[in-house]
Amino acid sequence: MKKQRRMISLDETTDQYIQAYMEEHHFRFPGEAIEDICRKYRDEKEKEWSLQYITEVVSRNLHEVLKKELTKIRLGANSADKNSQILIELMNGLFFNQGAKGLMTTSIQEMDSVRVAREEVEKRISHQRQKRIDWGELKGKQETH
């Protein structure tokens, strides 16, 4: 490695620091001490960047994991909401007809009214999903213009 010769002026405090550093680290010349100080400074800067990079990567990965977990929770909530809406439709139909003497569970036999209620709720959910997709596409187009 080629060395560069420099004439420098230092304040007294800095000069004393370099002298103390030379003694502590057993350097013979001030240039060696300054080189070592600069190398350590560069290493610290690289570590700082490295920690920032690691923080960003971990943050991004954590975001992805949480996003997947929240998606599962959201799907479960949507399923529960769907079932609740079906029940509301059925109750509405029962109250409207008031001719029901008893109830039969869907595990025994799914009545036409249950099927109609389920299909109605699925249509609503599909319609809402399509509206959300259309809104997202419209928003995306507006952001690019």
Protein backbone atom coordinates (compact mmCIF):
# COMPACT_ATOMS: atom_id res chain seq x y z
CA MET A 1 0.00 0.00 0.00
CA LYS A 2 1.41 3.36 -1.02
CA LYS A 3 1.69 5.93 1.76
CA GLN A 4 0.83 9.61 1.34
CA ARG A 5 2.81 12.26 3.16
CA ARG A 6 0.78 15.08 4.73
CA MET A 7 1.62 18.17 6.71
CA ILE A 8 -1.16 18.72 9.24
CA SER A 9 -1.84 21.07 12.08
CA LEU A 10 -3.74 19.87 15.13
CA ASP A 11 -5.11 21.60 18.15
CA GLU A 12 -3.45 20.71 21.43
CA THR A 13 -6.28 18.45 22.66
CA THR A 14 -6.25 16.36 19.47
CA ASP A 15 -2.45 16.12 19.54
CA GLN A 16 -2.56 14.91 23.18
CA TYR A 17 -5.22 12.37 22.26
CA ILE A 18 -3.07 10.98 19.43
CA GLN A 19 -0.03 10.78 21.73
CA ALA A 20 -2.05 8.91 24.38
CA TYR A 21 -3.48 6.62 21.69
CA MET A 22 0.03 5.87 20.42
CA GLU A 23 1.18 4.89 23.91
CA GLU A 24 -1.90 2.81 24.64
CA HIS A 25 -1.72 0.88 21.34
CA HIS A 26 2.11 0.84 21.09
CA PHE A 27 2.42 2.81 17.86
CA ARG A 28 5.75 4.43 17.04
CA PHE A 29 4.44 7.12 14.70
CA PRO A 30 1.42 9.47 14.77
CA GLY A 31 0.49 8.39 11.23
CA GLU A 32 -0.01 4.79 12.44
CA ALA A 33 -2.29 5.99 15.24
CA ILE A 34 -4.31 8.16 12.85
CA GLU A 35 -4.62 5.26 10.37
CA ASP A 36 -5.85 2.97 13.17
CA ILE A 37 -8.35 5.57 14.40
CA CYS A 38 -9.65 6.07 10.84
CA ARG A 39 -9.89 2.29 10.23
CA LYS A 40 -11.88 1.83 13.42
CA TYR A 41 -14.13 4.72 12.46
CA ARG A 42 -14.79 3.16 9.01
CA ASP A 43 -15.51 -0.22 10.65
CA GLU A 44 -18.03 1.40 13.00
CA LYS A 45 -19.73 3.14 10.08
CA GLU A 46 -20.01 -0.19 8.24
CA LYS A 47 -21.47 -1.83 11.35
CA GLU A 48 -23.94 1.01 11.67
CA TRP A 49 -25.04 0.51 8.07
CA SER A 50 -25.15 -3.22 8.60
CA LEU A 51 -27.37 -2.85 11.67
CA GLN A 52 -29.66 -0.52 9.75
CA TYR A 53 -29.86 -3.05 6.90
CA ILE A 54 -30.56 -5.91 9.32
CA THR A 55 -33.24 -3.83 11.02
CA GLU A 56 -34.93 -3.16 7.68
CA VAL A 57 -34.79 -6.83 6.63
CA VAL A 58 -36.14 -8.04 9.97
CA SER A 59 -38.84 -5.39 9.88
CA ARG A 60 -39.88 -6.39 6.35
CA ASN A 61 -39.98 -10.10 7.24
CA LEU A 62 -41.92 -9.41 10.42
CA HIS A 63 -44.39 -7.36 8.39
CA GLU A 64 -44.90 -10.28 5.98
CA VAL A 65 -45.42 -12.80 8.80
CA LEU A 66 -47.88 -10.52 10.57
CA LYS A 67 -49.67 -9.83 7.29
CA LYS A 68 -50.16 -13.58 6.72
CA GLU A 69 -51.41 -14.12 10.27
CA LEU A 70 -53.77 -11.16 10.06
CA THR A 71 -55.09 -12.51 6.76
CA LYS A 72 -55.92 -15.81 8.48
CA ILE A 73 -57.69 -13.94 11.28
CA ARG A 74 -59.56 -11.77 8.78
CA LEU A 75 -60.69 -14.85 6.83
CA GLY A 76 -61.94 -16.45 10.05
CA ALA A 77 -63.80 -13.29 10.97
CA ASN A 78 -65.30 -13.12 7.49
CA SER A 79 -66.48 -16.71 7.81
CA ALA A 80 -68.07 -15.94 11.17
CA ASP A 81 -69.70 -12.86 9.68
CA LYS A 82 -71.02 -14.91 6.77
CA ASN A 83 -72.54 -17.45 9.16
CA SER A 84 -74.08 -14.68 11.25
CA GLN A 85 -75.65 -13.14 8.17
CA ILE A 86 -77.08 -16.52 7.16
CA LEU A 87 -78.58 -16.87 10.64
CA ILE A 88 -80.12 -13.42 10.41
CA GLU A 89 -81.65 -14.30 7.05
CA LEU A 90 -83.05 -17.54 8.47
CA MET A 91 -84.46 -15.86 11.55
CA ASN A 92 -86.04 -13.25 9.36
CA GLY A 93 -87.63 -15.96 7.24
CA LEU A 94 -88.84 -17.84 10.31
CA PHE A 95 -90.40 -14.80 11.83
CA PHE A 96 -91.99 -13.93 8.52
CA ASN A 97 -93.56 -17.32 8.07
CA GLN A 98 -94.19 -18.12 11.77
CA GLY A 99 -95.48 -21.43 10.62
CA ALA A 100 -92.47 -23.38 11.79
CA LYS A 101 -93.29 -25.88 14.54
CA GLY A 102 -89.69 -26.97 15.05
CA LEU A 103 -86.22 -26.72 13.58
CA MET A 104 -84.14 -29.33 11.89
CA THR A 105 -80.35 -28.94 11.83
CA THR A 106 -78.52 -28.61 8.53
CA SER A 107 -76.42 -31.67 9.38
CA ILE A 108 -79.62 -33.73 9.06
CA GLN A 109 -81.00 -31.94 6.04
CA GLU A 110 -80.32 -28.55 4.49
CA MET A 111 -83.64 -26.96 3.70
CA ASP A 112 -84.17 -24.89 0.60
CA SER A 113 -84.53 -21.78 2.75
CA VAL A 114 -81.05 -22.34 4.24
CA ARG A 115 -79.60 -22.80 0.77
CA VAL A 116 -81.32 -19.62 -0.45
CA ALA A 117 -80.06 -17.69 2.60
CA ARG A 118 -76.49 -18.98 2.13
CA GLU A 119 -76.51 -18.13 -1.57
CA GLU A 120 -77.85 -14.64 -0.84
CA VAL A 121 -75.13 -13.94 1.69
CA GLU A 122 -72.44 -15.32 -0.66
CA LYS A 123 -73.75 -13.03 -3.44
CA ARG A 124 -73.53 -10.03 -1.12
CA ILE A 125 -70.01 -10.90 -0.03
CA SER A 126 -68.94 -11.44 -3.64
CA HIS A 127 -70.48 -8.11 -4.63
CA GLN A 128 -68.70 -6.32 -1.77
CA ARG A 129 -65.40 -8.00 -2.68
CA GLN A 130 -65.80 -6.91 -6.32
CA LYS A 131 -66.56 -3.35 -5.23
CA ARG A 132 -63.40 -3.36 -3.08
CA ILE A 133 -61.31 -4.70 -6.00
CA ASP A 134 -62.75 -2.10 -8.37
CA TRP A 135 -62.09 0.66 -5.82
CA GLY A 136 -58.49 -0.55 -5.38
CA GLU A 137 -57.90 -0.54 -9.14
CA LEU A 138 -59.41 2.93 -9.47
CA LYS A 139 -57.27 4.21 -6.60
CA GLY A 140 -54.15 2.65 -8.18
CA LYS A 141 -54.87 4.35 -11.51
CA GLN A 142 -55.39 7.72 -9.81
CA GLU A 143 -52.05 7.45 -7.97
CA THR A 144 -50.13 6.82 -11.22
CA HIS A 145 -51.58 9.88 -12.97
